[in-house]
C-alpha atoms as a PDB file:
ATOM      1  CA  UNK A   1       0.000   0.000   0.000  1.00  0.00           C
ATOM      2  CA  UNK A   2       2.912   2.287   0.695  1.00  0.00           C
ATOM      3  CA  UNK A   3       3.996   2.126  -2.931  1.00  0.00           C
ATOM      4  CA  UNK A   4       0.526   3.099  -4.171  1.00  0.00           C
ATOM      5  CA  UNK A   5       0.078   6.142  -1.922  1.00  0.00           C
ATOM      6  CA  UNK A   6       2.256   8.507  -4.023  1.00  0.00           C
ATOM      7  CA  UNK A   7       0.507   7.408  -7.227  1.00  0.00           C
ATOM      8  CA  UNK A   8      -2.931   7.919  -5.717  1.00  0.00           C
ATOM      9  CA  UNK A   9      -1.894  11.312  -4.335  1.00  0.00           C
ATOM     10  CA  UNK A  10      -0.536  12.408  -7.711  1.00  0.00           C
ATOM     11  CA  UNK A  11      -3.670  11.243  -9.542  1.00  0.00           C
ATOM     12  CA  UNK A  12      -6.060  13.022  -7.173  1.00  0.00           C
ATOM     13  CA  UNK A  13      -3.981  16.206  -7.074  1.00  0.00           C
ATOM     14  CA  UNK A  14      -3.659  16.079 -10.856  1.00  0.00           C
ATOM     15  CA  UNK A  15      -7.423  15.777 -11.269  1.00  0.00           C
ATOM     16  CA  UNK A  16      -7.934  18.782  -9.012  1.00  0.00           C
ATOM     17  CA  UNK A  17      -5.198  20.750 -10.767  1.00  0.00           C
ATOM     18  CA  UNK A  18      -6.642  19.934 -14.172  1.00  0.00           C
ATOM     19  CA  UNK A  19     -10.112  21.121 -13.216  1.00  0.00           C
ATOM     20  CA  UNK A  20      -8.802  24.274 -11.556  1.00  0.00           C
ATOM     21  CA  UNK A  21      -6.598  25.192 -14.520  1.00  0.00           C
ATOM     22  CA  UNK A  22      -9.378  24.569 -17.040  1.00  0.00           C
ATOM     23  CA  UNK A  23     -11.824  26.520 -14.934  1.00  0.00           C
ATOM     24  CA  UNK A  24      -9.433  29.427 -14.561  1.00  0.00           C
ATOM     25  CA  UNK A  25      -8.830  29.524 -18.312  1.00  0.00           C
ATOM     26  CA  UNK A  26     -12.565  29.043 -18.995  1.00  0.00           C
ATOM     27  CA  UNK A  27     -11.922  26.159 -21.368  1.00  0.00           C
ATOM     28  CA  UNK A  28     -15.196  24.726 -22.597  1.00  0.00           C
ATOM     29  CA  UNK A  29     -13.757  22.540 -25.354  1.00  0.00           C
ATOM     30  CA  UNK A  30     -13.590  19.518 -23.046  1.00  0.00           C
ATOM     31  CA  UNK A  31     -16.057  18.415 -20.377  1.00  0.00           C
ATOM     32  CA  UNK A  32     -15.404  17.861 -16.683  1.00  0.00           C
ATOM     33  CA  UNK A  33     -14.770  14.139 -17.045  1.00  0.00           C
ATOM     34  CA  UNK A  34     -12.130  14.680 -19.728  1.00  0.00           C
ATOM     35  CA  UNK A  35     -10.494  17.424 -17.638  1.00  0.00           C
ATOM     36  CA  UNK A  36     -10.391  15.129 -14.632  1.00  0.00           C
ATOM     37  CA  UNK A  37      -8.879  12.235 -16.577  1.00  0.00           C
ATOM     38  CA  UNK A  38      -6.318  14.454 -18.320  1.00  0.00           C
ATOM     39  CA  UNK A  39      -5.412  16.041 -15.000  1.00  0.00           C
ATOM     40  CA  UNK A  40      -4.968  12.695 -13.261  1.00  0.00           C
ATOM     41  CA  UNK A  41      -2.752  11.410 -16.061  1.00  0.00           C
ATOM     42  CA  UNK A  42      -0.760  14.649 -16.048  1.00  0.00           C
ATOM     43  CA  UNK A  43      -0.270  14.400 -12.312  1.00  0.00           C
ATOM     44  CA  UNK A  44       1.221  10.952 -12.632  1.00  0.00           C
ATOM     45  CA  UNK A  45       3.305  11.793 -15.718  1.00  0.00           C
ATOM     46  CA  UNK A  46       5.184  14.619 -14.042  1.00  0.00           C
ATOM     47  CA  UNK A  47       6.855  12.250 -11.600  1.00  0.00           C
ATOM     48  CA  UNK A  48       7.800   9.878 -14.429  1.00  0.00           C
ATOM     49  CA  UNK A  49       9.505  12.666 -16.352  1.00  0.00           C
ATOM     50  CA  UNK A  50      11.642  13.623 -13.382  1.00  0.00           C
ATOM     51  CA  UNK A  51       9.532  15.938 -11.291  1.00  0.00           C
ATOM     52  CA  UNK A  52      10.410  13.905  -8.230  1.00  0.00           C
ATOM     53  CA  UNK A  53      14.137  14.519  -8.534  1.00  0.00           C
ATOM     54  CA  UNK A  54      14.118  17.724  -6.506  1.00  0.00           C
ATOM     55  CA  UNK A  55      11.514  16.913  -3.877  1.00  0.00           C
ATOM     56  CA  UNK A  56      10.299  13.770  -2.182  1.00  0.00           C
ATOM     57  CA  UNK A  57       7.403  13.029   0.101  1.00  0.00           C
ATOM     58  CA  UNK A  58       3.648  13.170   0.079  1.00  0.00           C
ATOM     59  CA  UNK A  59       3.409  16.961  -0.106  1.00  0.00           C
ATOM     60  CA  UNK A  60       5.799  17.027  -3.054  1.00  0.00           C
ATOM     61  CA  UNK A  61       3.657  14.383  -4.780  1.00  0.00           C
ATOM     62  CA  UNK A  62       0.592  16.567  -4.257  1.00  0.00           C
ATOM     63  CA  UNK A  63       2.262  19.699  -5.549  1.00  0.00           C
ATOM     64  CA  UNK A  64       3.702  17.859  -8.538  1.00  0.00           C
ATOM     65  CA  UNK A  65       0.290  16.369  -9.257  1.00  0.00           C
ATOM     66  CA  UNK A  66      -1.374  19.787  -9.194  1.00  0.00           C
ATOM     67  CA  UNK A  67       1.178  21.233 -11.567  1.00  0.00           C
ATOM     68  CA  UNK A  68       1.279  18.266 -13.936  1.00  0.00           C
ATOM     69  CA  UNK A  69      -2.503  17.960 -14.015  1.00  0.00           C
ATOM     70  CA  UNK A  70      -2.927  21.643 -14.726  1.00  0.00           C
ATOM     71  CA  UNK A  71      -0.402  21.595 -17.534  1.00  0.00           C
ATOM     72  CA  UNK A  72      -1.740  18.509 -19.305  1.00  0.00           C
ATOM     73  CA  UNK A  73      -5.359  19.558 -18.930  1.00  0.00           C
ATOM     74  CA  UNK A  74      -4.537  22.974 -20.383  1.00  0.00           C
ATOM     75  CA  UNK A  75      -2.773  21.382 -23.339  1.00  0.00           C
ATOM     76  CA  UNK A  76      -5.654  18.968 -23.992  1.00  0.00           C
ATOM     77  CA  UNK A  77      -8.173  21.826 -23.781  1.00  0.00           C
ATOM     78  CA  UNK A  78      -6.196  23.965 -26.203  1.00  0.00           C
ATOM     79  CA  UNK A  79      -5.850  21.117 -28.690  1.00  0.00           C
ATOM     80  CA  UNK A  80      -9.563  20.273 -28.443  1.00  0.00           C
ATOM     81  CA  UNK A  81     -10.535  23.905 -28.913  1.00  0.00           C
ATOM     82  CA  UNK A  82      -8.301  24.178 -31.961  1.00  0.00           C
ATOM     83  CA  UNK A  83      -9.805  21.027 -33.459  1.00  0.00           C
ATOM     84  CA  UNK A  84     -13.319  22.470 -33.308  1.00  0.00           C
END
């Protein structure tokens, strides 16, 4: 269970970060479910790319998840808006 806790934290924080970023940018190209999924994936991807190199711990996982989720959700929203 200890190995899953950082992944779960990153996914939840990413989902929150994705929804907050999309809401702040008023992106309507993707719905809430897509924002949540993109945010969760973005939250987990940031640690795979090396976001965990500087910080470790549960708080760092949460912060990284928020940032990664916000970034990926913003990118997905921009691409979806451009496709329409």
